[in-house]
Amino acid sequence: MSGQFDFRALLIKVQDLLSDGDRVRLHFLLGDDIPRNLRDNPSLSGTLSVLESLFDKDMISEQDCDYLIEAFKKIHCYDAAKRLQEHQRAHTHRHGRNCSLQHILVDDSENDGHMATDESILQTHEYSETTPVTTQFELEQEVNPRSQLFTTIFRQPCNIREIILTSIVLLLLLALVSLIIFRKKCVSSKNETFLVRVGQMKWEHEGITVAGGYGIGSELNQLNYPWGIFVDRNNSIFIADCLNHRVMKWNLKENRGEIVAGGNGQGSKIDQFVCPSDIAIDQENQLLYVCDHENRRVVQWSLTNKSDIHIIIPNIDCFGVVMDNRRYLYVSNRVKNEVIRLKLGEKKGTLVAGGNGKGNRFNQLNYPGFMSIDDEYALYVSDIHNHRIMKWKENAKDGIVVAGGNGDGNGLNQLSYPRGVVVDELKRVYVSDNMNHRVMQWCKDCSKGEILVGGNGAGKGSHQLFYPTGIAFDRKRNLYVADNTNHRIQKFVVDEEDTI
């Protein structure tokens, strides 16, 4: 029996252990390692073809199955990983690195009975409560000496009055100057207090489901792998409902949404999508911009006239879209590993990040995803396969790592395939750390982040997330998270005691 035939027989058995969601995530994880026509077909036959292509490209073989084992671990399909890992381990001492597929296929029932149960081999390391982190209390201690100084100064009004009363003429000018100085210090003190209080904000660890949450499906109260989200000034949530091929709008406190774009089945017609991945909204003009992921285009939809639809950027392998307050549209290209900026009405965009091939240098990106823009028009982009968030100042040639960048992992200085990113006025960066099932906060110039929500393993509990993707804040700074594989949007309420 040939190695190729044995391997195909193994794949048929292993892929029986994969759910539809597992296949979707596996195809996405493998990304550029497989041909596009195979990546976009997450069917049983499509997945089989994907795995066989890895065998043909010598990325896996009868002698080395580690690549495939790690891929299964990444998508949390531990049964499939165990099937390969246990047999590879059992035969290593007899055949060196030889992972005989013929042995793997022999007697499934006997194999399952002797499967290793050591969860420590396959489970990702959970966050340790003893890991040292920079706490908000420590930040407050650093600022307190200055606040105490301001308090001491303002407790001396009686001294100024005594001086004025005893030297009305000579010290009038001095009193006036002193008053101006004190007022400036007062403003400075208030501004510093505001910054400290914002920095100390906390969010409830138990999330509230505000959209979806009724299982996977296409009904108006259901979602199917939501990706990018946008919260408008009325706290309405717009959702890129990827595998329902539509964009949903969920009004505050309603138990079902409405379709505002797509929803006409999967397809390439002007009013159809194939897995929309991200959205941006021009609230002044009520225009919706959608990255139509698999149709390779960016489409503009009117929110007031559903028949007013225009393809504004064709033939682009888009992933994320975002708009700044100048109405410039930014689009990430996951194949060209670049971000372009487009002024509406222009036919050709301007390169603003990457564009120097796939890589991990400061002038490169590797599968750019979601984005955010700060008040100085600096671009923040999730550099997914480099496990980092990059900041590109306007007109810069190189980017700056502002979160992650220390390899794939679950440490506080690491990220694992980050997706959603938001930056606030303090230049704090918020990241949905996809494969660590958590949302992180990274302060400016910090070497490690802090877990805001999640980080309790993959799950459907109110304190858990399952492959989070898009994130957004409302005006009160409540946090919204697209809980992708739980098919819901979670709201984490900000602690009112720490809010100005």
Protein backbone atom coordinates (compact mmCIF):
# COMPACT_ATOMS: atom_id res chain seq x y z
CA MET A 1 0.00 0.00 0.00
CA SER A 2 1.46 3.38 -0.98
CA GLY A 3 2.09 6.16 1.52
CA GLN A 4 -0.29 8.45 -0.38
CA PHE A 5 -3.12 5.88 -0.19
CA ASP A 6 -2.50 5.25 3.52
CA PHE A 7 -2.48 8.96 4.22
CA ARG A 8 -5.81 9.50 2.44
CA ALA A 9 -7.36 6.72 4.51
CA LEU A 10 -6.10 8.39 7.69
CA LEU A 11 -7.49 11.77 6.67
CA ILE A 12 -10.93 10.29 6.06
CA LYS A 13 -10.94 8.97 9.62
CA VAL A 14 -9.45 12.09 11.20
CA GLN A 15 -11.72 14.59 9.47
CA ASP A 16 -14.77 12.69 10.76
CA LEU A 17 -13.76 14.25 14.09
CA LEU A 18 -14.07 17.80 12.70
CA SER A 19 -17.25 19.85 12.96
CA ASP A 20 -18.29 22.35 10.28
CA GLY A 21 -16.89 25.13 12.47
CA ASP A 22 -13.61 23.22 12.91
CA ARG A 23 -13.18 23.04 9.15
CA VAL A 24 -13.86 26.75 8.69
CA ARG A 25 -11.27 27.63 11.35
CA LEU A 26 -8.75 25.10 9.99
CA HIS A 27 -8.98 26.55 6.48
CA PHE A 28 -8.57 30.09 7.84
CA LEU A 29 -5.61 29.09 10.05
CA LEU A 30 -3.72 27.44 7.20
CA GLY A 31 -4.22 30.65 5.17
CA ASP A 32 -1.58 31.12 2.52
CA ASP A 33 -0.14 27.61 2.94
CA ILE A 34 -2.91 26.20 0.75
CA PRO A 35 -4.31 27.19 -2.67
CA ARG A 36 -7.14 29.72 -2.58
CA ASN A 37 -9.63 27.44 -4.35
CA LEU A 38 -9.14 24.83 -1.60
CA ARG A 39 -9.18 27.33 1.29
CA ASP A 40 -12.59 28.67 0.27
CA ASN A 41 -14.29 25.25 0.28
CA PRO A 42 -14.82 24.13 3.93
CA SER A 43 -16.80 21.03 2.91
CA LEU A 44 -15.83 17.44 3.75
CA SER A 45 -14.25 16.95 0.34
CA GLY A 46 -12.69 20.43 0.49
CA THR A 47 -10.99 19.73 3.82
CA LEU A 48 -9.73 16.40 2.53
CA SER A 49 -8.22 18.16 -0.48
CA VAL A 50 -6.64 20.78 1.80
CA LEU A 51 -4.92 18.16 3.94
CA GLU A 52 -3.79 16.17 0.91
CA SER A 53 -2.27 19.33 -0.56
CA LEU A 54 -0.18 19.73 2.60
CA PHE A 55 1.04 16.16 2.11
CA ASP A 56 1.89 16.85 -1.54
CA LYS A 57 3.84 20.00 -0.51
CA ASP A 58 5.85 17.98 2.06
CA MET A 59 4.50 20.12 4.90
CA ILE A 60 3.36 16.85 6.47
CA SER A 61 4.41 13.30 5.70
CA GLU A 62 4.33 9.79 7.03
CA GLN A 63 7.52 10.66 8.91
CA ASP A 64 6.42 14.02 10.33
CA CYS A 65 2.83 14.86 11.33
CA ASP A 66 3.72 17.67 13.76
CA TYR A 67 2.46 20.48 11.50
CA LEU A 68 -0.99 18.92 11.27
CA ILE A 69 -1.06 18.11 14.99
CA GLU A 70 -0.30 21.74 15.88
CA ALA A 71 -3.01 22.96 13.49
CA PHE A 72 -5.60 20.76 15.19
CA LYS A 73 -4.47 22.02 18.59
CA LYS A 74 -4.84 25.62 17.42
CA ILE A 75 -8.49 25.07 16.48
CA HIS A 76 -9.05 23.11 19.72
CA CYS A 77 -9.92 19.86 17.94
CA TYR A 78 -8.06 17.78 20.49
CA ASP A 79 -9.50 14.41 19.46
CA ALA A 80 -8.01 14.73 15.98
CA ALA A 81 -4.70 15.92 17.42
CA LYS A 82 -4.61 13.04 19.89
CA ARG A 83 -5.31 10.52 17.13
CA LEU A 84 -2.11 11.56 15.36
CA GLN A 85 0.00 12.44 18.38
CA GLU A 86 -0.56 9.25 20.37
CA HIS A 87 0.40 6.97 17.50
CA GLN A 88 3.35 9.13 16.52
CA ARG A 89 4.59 8.98 20.10
CA ALA A 90 3.98 5.22 20.32
CA HIS A 91 6.05 4.48 17.23
CA THR A 92 8.85 7.01 17.70
CA HIS A 93 11.06 4.64 19.70
CA ARG A 94 10.70 1.98 17.02
CA HIS A 95 10.98 4.09 13.88
CA GLY A 96 12.69 7.31 14.95
CA ARG A 97 10.59 10.10 13.36
CA ASN A 98 8.59 7.58 11.32
CA CYS A 99 4.86 8.22 11.83
CA SER A 100 3.54 5.17 9.94
CA LEU A 101 0.07 5.94 8.65
CA GLN A 102 -0.65 2.26 8.23
CA HIS A 103 -0.23 1.73 12.01
CA ILE A 104 -2.42 4.75 12.73
CA LEU A 105 -5.26 3.22 10.72
CA VAL A 106 -5.16 -0.17 12.43
CA ASP A 107 -7.95 -1.04 14.88
CA ASP A 108 -9.66 2.24 15.79
CA SER A 109 -11.37 0.75 18.81
CA GLU A 110 -8.13 -0.47 20.31
CA ASN A 111 -6.50 2.88 19.57
CA ASP A 112 -9.30 4.84 21.24
CA GLY A 113 -9.09 2.63 24.31
CA HIS A 114 -5.43 3.50 24.84
CA MET A 115 -5.68 7.21 23.98
CA ALA A 116 -3.60 9.46 26.23
CA THR A 117 -5.66 11.45 28.73
CA ASP A 118 -3.03 13.89 29.89
CA GLU A 119 -4.80 17.19 29.16
CA SER A 120 -1.63 19.08 29.96
CA ILE A 121 -0.20 17.91 26.62
CA LEU A 122 -2.93 19.50 24.52
CA GLN A 123 -4.55 22.21 26.61
CA THR A 124 -3.16 25.71 26.17
CA HIS A 125 -1.58 27.18 29.27
CA GLU A 126 -4.10 29.18 31.26
CA TYR A 127 -3.33 32.54 32.73
CA SER A 128 -1.82 32.25 36.19
CA GLU A 129 -3.27 34.49 38.87
CA THR A 130 0.20 34.78 40.36
CA THR A 131 1.66 36.31 37.19
CA PRO A 132 2.92 39.78 38.08
CA VAL A 133 1.03 42.57 36.34
CA THR A 134 1.10 46.32 36.58
CA THR A 135 -2.07 47.11 38.51
CA GLN A 136 -4.21 50.23 38.40
CA PHE A 137 -3.41 50.71 42.13
CA GLU A 138 0.29 51.00 41.29
CA LEU A 139 -0.51 53.56 38.58
CA GLU A 140 -2.57 55.56 41.09
CA GLN A 141 0.31 55.50 43.61
CA GLU A 142 2.63 57.01 41.00
CA VAL A 143 0.29 59.96 40.42
CA ASN A 144 -0.77 60.59 44.05
CA PRO A 145 2.32 62.66 45.10
CA ARG A 146 1.50 65.26 42.44
CA SER A 147 -2.19 65.28 43.36
CA GLN A 148 -1.23 65.79 47.02
CA LEU A 149 0.95 68.74 46.01
CA PHE A 150 -1.96 70.43 44.23
CA THR A 151 -4.21 69.81 47.23
CA THR A 152 -1.66 71.38 49.56
CA ILE A 153 -1.38 74.49 47.38
CA PHE A 154 -5.12 75.04 47.29
CA ARG A 155 -5.42 74.83 51.05
CA GLN A 156 -3.59 78.16 51.41
CA PRO A 157 -6.15 80.82 50.29
CA CYS A 158 -6.05 82.46 53.72
CA ASN A 159 -2.29 83.20 53.34
CA ILE A 160 -2.89 85.04 50.07
CA ARG A 161 -5.67 87.11 51.61
CA GLU A 162 -3.43 88.10 54.55
CA ILE A 163 -0.71 89.25 52.16
CA ILE A 164 -3.20 91.23 50.06
CA LEU A 165 -4.70 92.90 53.15
CA THR A 166 -1.28 93.97 54.51
CA SER A 167 0.24 95.07 51.18
CA ILE A 168 -2.69 96.09 48.96
CA VAL A 169 -0.75 98.36 46.63
CA LEU A 170 2.64 96.62 46.43
CA LEU A 171 1.35 93.06 46.09
CA LEU A 172 -1.72 93.59 43.87
CA LEU A 173 0.17 92.59 40.75
CA LEU A 174 1.74 89.61 42.52
CA ALA A 175 -1.68 88.44 43.67
CA LEU A 176 -3.02 88.66 40.13
CA VAL A 177 -0.10 86.67 38.74
CA SER A 178 -0.48 84.12 41.53
CA LEU A 179 -4.15 83.73 40.72
CA ILE A 180 -3.38 83.03 37.06
CA ILE A 181 -0.75 80.45 38.01
CA PHE A 182 -3.12 78.75 40.43
CA ARG A 183 -5.88 78.56 37.83
CA LYS A 184 -3.50 76.92 35.36
CA LYS A 185 -2.47 74.42 38.02
CA CYS A 186 -6.11 73.73 38.78
CA VAL A 187 -6.82 72.93 35.13
CA SER A 188 -3.68 70.78 34.98
CA SER A 189 -4.74 68.93 38.12
CA LYS A 190 -8.20 68.25 36.71
CA ASN A 191 -6.75 67.00 33.43
CA GLU A 192 -4.37 64.66 35.23
CA THR A 193 -7.21 63.40 37.40
CA PHE A 194 -9.24 62.69 34.25
CA LEU A 195 -6.37 60.72 32.72
CA VAL A 196 -5.83 58.69 35.87
CA ARG A 197 -9.54 57.93 36.26
CA VAL A 198 -9.87 56.84 32.63
CA GLY A 199 -6.80 54.66 33.04
CA GLN A 200 -8.36 53.05 36.10
CA MET A 201 -11.60 52.03 34.40
CA LYS A 202 -12.68 48.44 34.94
CA TRP A 203 -15.23 46.32 33.16
CA GLU A 204 -17.55 43.69 34.57
CA HIS A 205 -16.16 40.22 33.94
CA GLU A 206 -19.62 38.76 33.31
CA GLY A 207 -20.87 39.62 29.83
CA ILE A 208 -24.45 40.33 28.78
CA THR A 209 -25.67 38.91 25.47
CA VAL A 210 -27.10 41.81 23.44
CA ALA A 211 -27.33 40.14 20.00
CA GLY A 212 -27.65 36.51 18.97
CA GLY A 213 -27.11 33.92 21.65
CA TYR A 214 -29.76 31.54 20.33
CA GLY A 215 -27.35 29.18 18.66
CA ILE A 216 -26.07 29.13 15.11
CA GLY A 217 -28.74 29.98 12.54
CA SER A 218 -30.19 32.46 10.07
CA GLU A 219 -33.27 33.67 11.95
CA LEU A 220 -33.46 37.35 12.92
CA ASN A 221 -32.50 36.49 16.51
CA GLN A 222 -29.51 34.39 15.45
CA LEU A 223 -26.00 34.88 14.09
CA ASN A 224 -23.60 32.63 12.19
CA TYR A 225 -19.94 33.39 13.00
CA PRO A 226 -20.08 37.20 13.46
CA TRP A 227 -16.89 39.10 12.59
CA GLY A 228 -16.56 42.89 12.54
CA ILE A 229 -18.92 45.10 14.57
CA PHE A 230 -19.70 48.83 14.77
CA VAL A 231 -21.61 50.69 17.52
CA ASP A 232 -23.18 53.98 16.43
CA ARG A 233 -24.05 57.06 18.51
CA ASN A 234 -27.49 55.59 19.31
CA ASN A 235 -25.89 52.39 20.66
CA SER A 236 -27.22 50.38 17.73
CA ILE A 237 -24.91 47.49 16.88
CA PHE A 238 -24.04 46.70 13.25
CA ILE A 239 -22.70 43.18 12.72
CA ALA A 240 -20.91 41.49 9.81
CA ASP A 241 -22.82 38.18 10.03
CA CYS A 242 -20.24 36.26 8.01
CA LEU A 243 -21.76 32.88 7.16
CA ASN A 244 -25.29 34.27 6.90
CA HIS A 245 -23.85 36.57 4.20
CA ARG A 246 -25.52 39.68 5.58
CA VAL A 247 -25.08 42.75 7.78
CA MET A 248 -27.40 43.00 10.78
CA LYS A 249 -28.48 46.00 12.85
CA TRP A 250 -29.45 45.37 16.46
CA ASN A 251 -31.15 48.23 18.29
CA LEU A 252 -30.65 48.70 22.01
CA LYS A 253 -32.58 46.20 24.19
CA GLU A 254 -34.24 44.43 21.25
CA ASN A 255 -34.20 40.63 21.09
CA ARG A 256 -33.91 40.43 17.32
CA GLY A 257 -32.13 42.34 14.61
CA GLU A 258 -32.91 43.59 11.14
CA ILE A 259 -31.06 42.97 7.89
CA VAL A 260 -29.59 46.21 6.52
CA ALA A 261 -27.42 44.73 3.74
CA GLY A 262 -27.24 41.39 1.97
CA GLY A 263 -29.40 38.59 3.28
CA ASN A 264 -30.21 37.52 -0.28
CA GLY A 265 -28.28 34.30 -0.15
CA GLN A 266 -24.64 33.61 -0.90
CA GLY A 267 -23.52 35.00 -4.24
CA SER A 268 -21.70 37.63 -6.25
CA LYS A 269 -24.63 39.78 -7.38
CA ILE A 270 -24.56 43.43 -6.35
CA ASP A 271 -27.00 42.79 -3.47
CA GLN A 272 -25.26 39.63 -2.22
CA PHE A 273 -22.24 38.81 -0.07
CA VAL A 274 -19.97 35.85 0.49
CA CYS A 275 -18.82 36.09 4.10
CA PRO A 276 -18.65 39.83 4.87
CA SER A 277 -15.82 40.31 7.36
CA ASP A 278 -15.90 43.95 8.46
CA ILE A 279 -17.97 47.14 8.27
CA ALA A 280 -17.53 50.90 8.60
CA ILE A 281 -20.28 53.54 8.77
CA ASP A 282 -20.43 57.15 7.66
CA GLN A 283 -23.00 58.25 10.25
CA GLU A 284 -23.48 61.74 8.83
CA ASN A 285 -24.45 60.44 5.39
CA GLN A 286 -25.97 57.13 6.54
CA LEU A 287 -23.67 55.05 4.35
CA LEU A 288 -22.45 51.55 5.15
CA TYR A 289 -19.13 50.20 3.83
CA VAL A 290 -18.70 46.42 3.76
CA CYS A 291 -15.66 44.25 3.12
CA ASP A 292 -17.22 41.49 0.98
CA HIS A 293 -14.45 39.07 1.92
CA GLU A 294 -14.82 36.21 -0.55
CA ASN A 295 -16.16 38.35 -3.41
CA ARG A 296 -12.96 40.43 -3.12
CA ARG A 297 -14.58 43.84 -3.08
CA VAL A 298 -15.66 46.76 -0.89
CA VAL A 299 -19.31 47.70 -1.31
CA GLN A 300 -21.20 50.86 -0.29
CA TRP A 301 -24.81 50.47 0.86
CA SER A 302 -27.21 53.28 1.71
CA LEU A 303 -28.87 52.78 5.10
CA THR A 304 -31.90 54.74 3.90
CA ASN A 305 -32.31 53.15 0.45
CA LYS A 306 -31.49 49.45 0.15
CA SER A 307 -31.40 49.63 -3.65
CA ASP A 308 -28.62 52.24 -3.58
CA ILE A 309 -25.58 49.96 -3.79
CA HIS A 310 -22.17 50.61 -5.35
CA ILE A 311 -18.94 48.62 -5.62
CA ILE A 312 -16.33 51.22 -4.71
CA ILE A 313 -13.22 48.98 -4.67
CA PRO A 314 -13.24 45.85 -6.88
CA ASN A 315 -10.63 43.08 -6.99
CA ILE A 316 -9.20 43.54 -3.50
CA ASP A 317 -8.57 40.77 -0.97
CA CYS A 318 -9.97 42.88 1.84
CA PHE A 319 -10.27 41.89 5.48
CA GLY A 320 -10.90 45.08 7.47
CA VAL A 321 -12.37 48.52 6.76
CA VAL A 322 -12.40 51.66 8.91
CA MET A 323 -13.20 55.35 8.29
CA ASP A 324 -11.59 58.39 9.93
CA ASN A 325 -13.32 61.71 10.67
CA ARG A 326 -12.11 63.11 7.33
CA ARG A 327 -14.18 60.40 5.61
CA TYR A 328 -11.04 58.64 4.36
CA LEU A 329 -11.59 54.90 4.06
CA TYR A 330 -8.82 52.46 5.07
CA VAL A 331 -8.84 48.90 3.71
CA SER A 332 -6.50 46.05 4.68
CA ASN A 333 -5.40 43.63 1.95
CA ARG A 334 -4.63 40.20 3.39
CA VAL A 335 -2.91 38.91 0.24
CA LYS A 336 -0.76 41.93 -0.65
CA ASN A 337 -0.06 42.44 3.07
CA GLU A 338 -0.78 46.14 2.96
CA VAL A 339 -3.29 48.81 3.95
CA ILE A 340 -4.52 51.47 1.54
CA ARG A 341 -6.31 54.75 2.25
CA LEU A 342 -8.93 55.97 -0.16
CA LYS A 343 -10.63 59.34 -0.38
CA LEU A 344 -14.20 58.70 -1.42
CA GLY A 345 -14.58 59.31 -5.13
CA GLU A 346 -10.98 58.38 -5.89
CA LYS A 347 -10.25 55.38 -8.07
CA LYS A 348 -6.84 54.55 -6.63
CA GLY A 349 -5.86 54.40 -2.99
CA THR A 350 -2.67 55.49 -1.22
CA LEU A 351 -0.44 52.93 0.47
CA VAL A 352 -0.27 53.71 4.21
CA ALA A 353 1.11 50.49 5.76
CA GLY A 354 3.04 47.43 4.61
CA GLY A 355 3.30 46.82 0.90
CA ASN A 356 6.79 45.34 1.19
CA GLY A 357 5.84 41.69 0.92
CA LYS A 358 4.89 39.24 3.63
CA GLY A 359 7.23 39.35 6.62
CA ASN A 360 7.82 40.47 10.20
CA ARG A 361 10.06 43.48 9.66
CA PHE A 362 8.80 46.89 10.79
CA ASN A 363 7.89 47.83 7.22
CA GLN A 364 6.02 44.57 6.60
CA LEU A 365 2.77 42.87 7.55
CA ASN A 366 1.62 39.26 7.50
CA TYR A 367 -2.13 38.93 6.98
CA PRO A 368 -3.38 42.36 8.16
CA GLY A 369 -6.90 42.35 9.62
CA PHE A 370 -9.00 44.83 11.58
CA MET A 371 -7.91 48.45 12.12
CA SER A 372 -8.42 51.59 14.21
CA ILE A 373 -7.46 55.27 13.74
CA ASP A 374 -6.39 57.65 16.54
CA ASP A 375 -6.91 61.43 16.76
CA GLU A 376 -3.58 62.07 15.02
CA TYR A 377 -4.57 59.83 12.09
CA ALA A 378 -2.12 57.11 13.05
CA LEU A 379 -3.23 53.67 11.88
CA TYR A 380 -3.37 50.66 14.21
CA VAL A 381 -3.65 47.30 12.44
CA SER A 382 -3.88 43.73 13.71
CA ASP A 383 -0.92 41.94 12.12
CA ILE A 384 -2.57 38.55 12.52
CA HIS A 385 0.09 36.02 11.55
CA ASN A 386 2.83 38.07 13.24
CA HIS A 387 0.81 38.01 16.49
CA ARG A 388 1.15 41.74 17.05
CA ILE A 389 -0.54 45.13 16.70
CA MET A 390 1.33 47.64 14.54
CA LYS A 391 1.03 51.44 14.66
CA TRP A 392 1.80 53.41 11.51
CA LYS A 393 1.97 57.16 11.94
CA GLU A 394 0.62 59.18 9.05
CA ASN A 395 3.11 59.16 6.14
CA ALA A 396 5.46 56.79 8.02
CA LYS A 397 7.51 54.20 6.12
CA ASP A 398 7.87 51.84 9.09
CA GLY A 399 5.47 50.71 11.76
CA ILE A 400 5.87 50.42 15.54
CA VAL A 401 4.88 47.38 17.61
CA VAL A 402 2.40 48.54 20.28
CA ALA A 403 1.09 45.15 21.46
CA GLY A 404 2.41 41.60 21.23
CA GLY A 405 5.30 40.97 18.90
CA ASN A 406 6.80 38.30 21.15
CA GLY A 407 5.65 35.28 19.21
CA ASP A 408 2.48 33.22 19.38
CA GLY A 409 1.57 32.56 23.01
CA ASN A 410 -0.68 33.30 25.98
CA GLY A 411 1.71 35.32 28.15
CA LEU A 412 0.80 38.88 29.09
CA ASN A 413 3.39 40.11 26.56
CA GLN A 414 2.02 37.90 23.79
CA LEU A 415 -0.95 37.58 21.44
CA SER A 416 -2.28 34.68 19.39
CA TYR A 417 -3.80 35.61 16.03
CA PRO A 418 -5.23 38.99 17.18
CA ARG A 419 -8.34 40.26 15.41
CA GLY A 420 -10.26 43.35 16.58
CA VAL A 421 -8.35 46.48 17.64
CA VAL A 422 -9.49 49.83 19.09
CA VAL A 423 -7.35 52.75 20.30
CA ASP A 424 -8.60 55.42 22.74
CA GLU A 425 -7.59 59.05 23.39
CA LEU A 426 -4.86 57.92 25.80
CA LYS A 427 -3.34 55.75 23.05
CA ARG A 428 -4.33 52.64 24.97
CA VAL A 429 -4.80 49.71 22.61
CA TYR A 430 -7.60 47.18 23.08
CA VAL A 431 -7.22 43.84 21.28
CA SER A 432 -9.39 40.75 20.81
CA ASP A 433 -6.78 38.04 21.37
CA ASN A 434 -8.55 35.46 19.22
CA MET A 435 -6.98 32.12 20.06
CA ASN A 436 -6.42 33.03 23.71
CA HIS A 437 -10.16 33.75 24.02
CA ARG A 438 -9.68 37.10 25.75
CA VAL A 439 -9.65 40.87 25.25
CA MET A 440 -6.43 42.64 26.24
CA GLN A 441 -5.55 46.25 27.05
CA TRP A 442 -2.07 47.61 26.35
CA CYS A 443 -1.16 51.04 27.70
CA LYS A 444 1.13 53.32 25.72
CA ASP A 445 4.79 52.17 25.80
CA CYS A 446 3.94 49.15 28.00
CA SER A 447 5.88 45.93 27.50
CA LYS A 448 2.93 43.75 28.47
CA GLY A 449 -0.84 43.94 28.50
CA GLU A 450 -3.66 43.37 30.94
CA ILE A 451 -6.61 41.01 30.54
CA LEU A 452 -9.87 43.00 30.48
CA VAL A 453 -12.40 40.22 29.88
CA GLY A 454 -12.25 36.52 29.05
CA GLY A 455 -9.03 34.60 29.52
CA ASN A 456 -10.95 31.78 31.20
CA GLY A 457 -10.59 29.27 28.41
CA ALA A 458 -12.87 28.75 25.43
CA GLY A 459 -16.50 28.36 26.46
CA LYS A 460 -20.01 29.75 26.39
CA GLY A 461 -20.20 30.97 29.99
CA SER A 462 -20.93 34.65 30.60
CA HIS A 463 -17.30 35.06 31.77
CA GLN A 464 -15.89 33.27 28.73
CA LEU A 465 -15.28 33.95 25.04
CA PHE A 466 -14.81 31.57 22.11
CA TYR A 467 -12.56 32.98 19.36
CA PRO A 468 -13.49 36.68 19.78
CA THR A 469 -13.20 38.79 16.63
CA GLY A 470 -14.50 42.38 16.34
CA ILE A 471 -14.62 44.77 19.33
CA ALA A 472 -16.16 48.22 19.83
CA PHE A 473 -17.06 50.74 22.56
CA ASP A 474 -20.15 52.89 23.02
CA ARG A 475 -20.11 56.47 24.32
CA LYS A 476 -20.18 55.30 27.94
CA ARG A 477 -17.18 53.05 27.23
CA ASN A 478 -19.12 49.82 27.58
CA LEU A 479 -17.23 47.11 25.69
CA TYR A 480 -18.85 45.03 22.92
CA VAL A 481 -17.23 41.81 21.68
CA ALA A 482 -18.14 39.62 18.69
CA ASP A 483 -18.02 36.20 20.38
CA ASN A 484 -17.51 34.44 17.08
CA THR A 485 -17.94 30.73 17.77
CA ASN A 486 -20.67 31.33 20.37
CA HIS A 487 -22.59 33.20 17.65
CA ARG A 488 -23.37 36.16 19.89
CA ILE A 489 -22.37 39.73 20.77
CA GLN A 490 -21.36 40.22 24.41
CA LYS A 491 -21.56 43.54 26.26
CA PHE A 492 -19.24 44.12 29.21
CA VAL A 493 -20.47 47.03 31.30
CA VAL A 494 -17.93 49.59 32.50
CA ASP A 495 -17.73 50.05 36.28
CA GLU A 496 -19.57 53.32 36.94
CA GLU A 497 -17.47 54.03 40.05
CA ASP A 498 -14.39 54.43 37.85
CA THR A 499 -16.05 56.60 35.21
CA ILE A 500 -16.06 60.40 35.20
